[in-house]
C-alpha atoms as a PDB file:
ATOM      1  CA  MET A   1      -6.201 -18.533 -11.226  1.00  0.00           C
ATOM      2  CA  LYS A   2      -9.636 -18.504  -9.941  1.00  0.00           C
ATOM      3  CA  LYS A   3     -12.118 -16.063 -11.202  1.00  0.00           C
ATOM      4  CA  LEU A   4     -12.704 -13.210  -8.828  1.00  0.00           C
ATOM      5  CA  SER A   5     -16.248 -12.760  -7.180  1.00  0.00           C
ATOM      6  CA  LYS A   6     -18.164  -9.490  -7.460  1.00  0.00           C
ATOM      7  CA  VAL A   7     -17.242  -8.729  -3.885  1.00  0.00           C
ATOM      8  CA  GLN A   8     -13.436  -9.579  -4.547  1.00  0.00           C
ATOM      9  CA  ILE A   9     -13.643  -7.301  -7.556  1.00  0.00           C
ATOM     10  CA  LYS A  10     -14.977  -4.246  -5.613  1.00  0.00           C
ATOM     11  CA  GLN A  11     -12.077  -5.054  -3.017  1.00  0.00           C
ATOM     12  CA  GLN A  12      -9.474  -5.051  -5.716  1.00  0.00           C
ATOM     13  CA  ALA A  13     -10.664  -1.610  -7.225  1.00  0.00           C
ATOM     14  CA  LEU A  14     -10.923  -0.116  -3.881  1.00  0.00           C
ATOM     15  CA  VAL A  15      -7.491  -0.986  -2.874  1.00  0.00           C
ATOM     16  CA  LEU A  16      -6.173  -0.312  -6.404  1.00  0.00           C
ATOM     17  CA  ASP A  17      -7.718   3.375  -6.349  1.00  0.00           C
ATOM     18  CA  VAL A  18      -6.093   3.944  -2.708  1.00  0.00           C
ATOM     19  CA  ALA A  19      -2.701   2.377  -4.052  1.00  0.00           C
ATOM     20  CA  ASN A  20      -2.661   4.792  -6.975  1.00  0.00           C
ATOM     21  CA  MET A  21      -3.566   7.843  -5.091  1.00  0.00           C
ATOM     22  CA  LEU A  22      -0.860   7.076  -2.369  1.00  0.00           C
ATOM     23  CA  GLU A  23       1.781   6.262  -5.217  1.00  0.00           C
ATOM     24  CA  GLU A  24       0.994   9.603  -7.114  1.00  0.00           C
ATOM     25  CA  GLN A  25       1.602  11.580  -3.609  1.00  0.00           C
ATOM     26  CA  GLY A  26       4.525   9.418  -2.732  1.00  0.00           C
ATOM     27  CA  ARG A  27       6.444   9.970  -5.888  1.00  0.00           C
ATOM     28  CA  ALA A  28       5.888  13.606  -5.514  1.00  0.00           C
ATOM     29  CA  GLU A  29       6.793  13.874  -1.896  1.00  0.00           C
ATOM     30  CA  ILE A  30       9.322  11.130  -1.303  1.00  0.00           C
ATOM     31  CA  PRO A  31      12.548  11.011  -3.291  1.00  0.00           C
ATOM     32  CA  GLY A  32      13.650   7.834  -4.617  1.00  0.00           C
ATOM     33  CA  MET A  33      10.314   6.143  -4.463  1.00  0.00           C
ATOM     34  CA  VAL A  34       9.596   4.008  -7.594  1.00  0.00           C
ATOM     35  CA  GLN A  35       6.122   2.650  -7.362  1.00  0.00           C
ATOM     36  CA  CYS A  36       3.550   1.477  -4.828  1.00  0.00           C
ATOM     37  CA  TRP A  37       2.406  -2.206  -5.127  1.00  0.00           C
ATOM     38  CA  PHE A  38       0.088  -4.382  -2.977  1.00  0.00           C
ATOM     39  CA  ASP A  39      -0.867  -7.909  -2.357  1.00  0.00           C
ATOM     40  CA  MET A  40      -3.761  -9.489  -0.385  1.00  0.00           C
ATOM     41  CA  LYS A  41      -5.763 -12.510   0.318  1.00  0.00           C
ATOM     42  CA  TYR A  42      -9.310 -11.698  -0.483  1.00  0.00           C
ATOM     43  CA  GLU A  43     -10.748 -14.234   1.960  1.00  0.00           C
ATOM     44  CA  LEU A  44      -8.755 -12.485   4.789  1.00  0.00           C
ATOM     45  CA  PHE A  45      -9.486  -8.741   3.586  1.00  0.00           C
ATOM     46  CA  PRO A  46      -8.864  -6.204   5.058  1.00  0.00           C
ATOM     47  CA  SER A  47      -6.406  -7.911   7.602  1.00  0.00           C
ATOM     48  CA  SER A  48      -4.200  -9.474   4.689  1.00  0.00           C
ATOM     49  CA  LEU A  49      -3.751  -6.221   2.781  1.00  0.00           C
ATOM     50  CA  LEU A  50      -0.072  -5.332   2.496  1.00  0.00           C
ATOM     51  CA  LEU A  51       0.887  -2.324   0.585  1.00  0.00           C
ATOM     52  CA  ARG A  52       4.615  -1.768  -0.265  1.00  0.00           C
ATOM     53  CA  PHE A  53       6.529   1.597  -1.360  1.00  0.00           C
ATOM     54  CA  GLN A  54       9.375   0.459  -3.507  1.00  0.00           C
ATOM     55  CA  PHE A  55      12.538   2.549  -3.550  1.00  0.00           C
ATOM     56  CA  GLU A  56      15.298   2.694  -5.922  1.00  0.00           C
ATOM     57  CA  ASN A  57      18.093   1.877  -3.415  1.00  0.00           C
ATOM     58  CA  GLU A  58      19.021   1.439   0.161  1.00  0.00           C
ATOM     59  CA  GLN A  59      19.980   5.148   0.692  1.00  0.00           C
ATOM     60  CA  ALA A  60      16.670   6.401  -0.461  1.00  0.00           C
ATOM     61  CA  LEU A  61      14.780   3.690   1.590  1.00  0.00           C
ATOM     62  CA  ALA A  62      16.776   4.815   4.669  1.00  0.00           C
ATOM     63  CA  ALA A  63      16.159   8.430   3.874  1.00  0.00           C
ATOM     64  CA  ALA A  64      12.291   7.932   3.632  1.00  0.00           C
ATOM     65  CA  GLU A  65      12.129   5.442   6.857  1.00  0.00           C
ATOM     66  CA  PRO A  66      11.398   8.505   9.183  1.00  0.00           C
ATOM     67  CA  GLU A  67       8.192   9.164   7.088  1.00  0.00           C
ATOM     68  CA  LEU A  68       6.650   5.756   7.350  1.00  0.00           C
ATOM     69  CA  LEU A  69       4.321   6.558  10.119  1.00  0.00           C
ATOM     70  CA  LYS A  70       2.850   9.570   8.338  1.00  0.00           C
ATOM     71  CA  TRP A  71       2.309   7.229   5.344  1.00  0.00           C
ATOM     72  CA  ARG A  72       0.693   4.533   7.457  1.00  0.00           C
ATOM     73  CA  LYS A  73      -1.738   7.013   8.790  1.00  0.00           C
ATOM     74  CA  ARG A  74      -2.394   8.306   5.264  1.00  0.00           C
ATOM     75  CA  LEU A  75      -3.259   4.863   4.271  1.00  0.00           C
ATOM     76  CA  SER A  76      -5.481   4.230   7.190  1.00  0.00           C
ATOM     77  CA  ALA A  77      -7.182   7.392   6.624  1.00  0.00           C
ATOM     78  CA  ALA A  78      -7.842   6.701   2.765  1.00  0.00           C
ATOM     79  CA  MET A  79      -9.330   3.372   3.575  1.00  0.00           C
ATOM     80  CA  VAL A  80     -11.470   4.785   6.371  1.00  0.00           C
ATOM     81  CA  LYS A  81     -13.014   7.099   3.649  1.00  0.00           C
ATOM     82  CA  LYS A  82     -13.736   4.188   1.566  1.00  0.00           C
ATOM     83  CA  GLY A  83     -15.318   2.258   4.377  1.00  0.00           C
ATOM     84  CA  VAL A  84     -12.513  -0.079   5.299  1.00  0.00           C
ATOM     85  CA  ILE A  85     -10.970   0.138   8.771  1.00  0.00           C
ATOM     86  CA  LEU A  86      -7.348  -1.159   9.352  1.00  0.00           C
ATOM     87  CA  LYS A  87      -7.038  -2.346  12.806  1.00  0.00           C
ATOM     88  CA  ASP A  88      -3.007  -2.463  12.957  1.00  0.00           C
ATOM     89  CA  MET A  89      -1.437   0.164  10.776  1.00  0.00           C
ATOM     90  CA  ARG A  90       1.987  -1.360  10.932  1.00  0.00           C
ATOM     91  CA  ARG A  91       0.851  -4.438   9.304  1.00  0.00           C
ATOM     92  CA  HIS A  92      -0.379  -2.761   6.300  1.00  0.00           C
ATOM     93  CA  LEU A  93       2.308  -0.612   4.912  1.00  0.00           C
ATOM     94  CA  VAL A  94       6.009  -1.149   4.525  1.00  0.00           C
ATOM     95  CA  PHE A  95       9.028   0.452   2.667  1.00  0.00           C
ATOM     96  CA  THR A  96      11.143  -1.853   0.582  1.00  0.00           C
ATOM     97  CA  VAL A  97      13.839  -2.004  -2.272  1.00  0.00           C
ATOM     98  CA  GLU A  98      12.123  -5.144  -3.621  1.00  0.00           C
ATOM     99  CA  GLY A  99       9.846  -5.294  -6.499  1.00  0.00           C
ATOM    100  CA  PRO A 100       6.607  -7.159  -6.894  1.00  0.00           C
ATOM    101  CA  GLU A 101       8.450  -9.693  -9.059  1.00  0.00           C
ATOM    102  CA  ALA A 102      10.840 -10.775  -6.161  1.00  0.00           C
END
């Protein structure tokens, strides 16, 4: 794996901070949420950022689906506070039952 540049390390820290904050809120507010994880291509940041809220089963996922827009808005607002503008909220946050190892 290639060593990250200083800018990429800052980007990773920023996204990790936002993801941890949203994960904490999500676990408290959404029944069945397991974790929040993300991936991104540093050379295409912020357009390549994708956060995933992982749920323990399909029933929990289906129950949480109506809340998706609210959480996308929270992600967008949190990133704006960090100085990053996400142009299309739909591309940056999804609900899933798959884990990071899948």
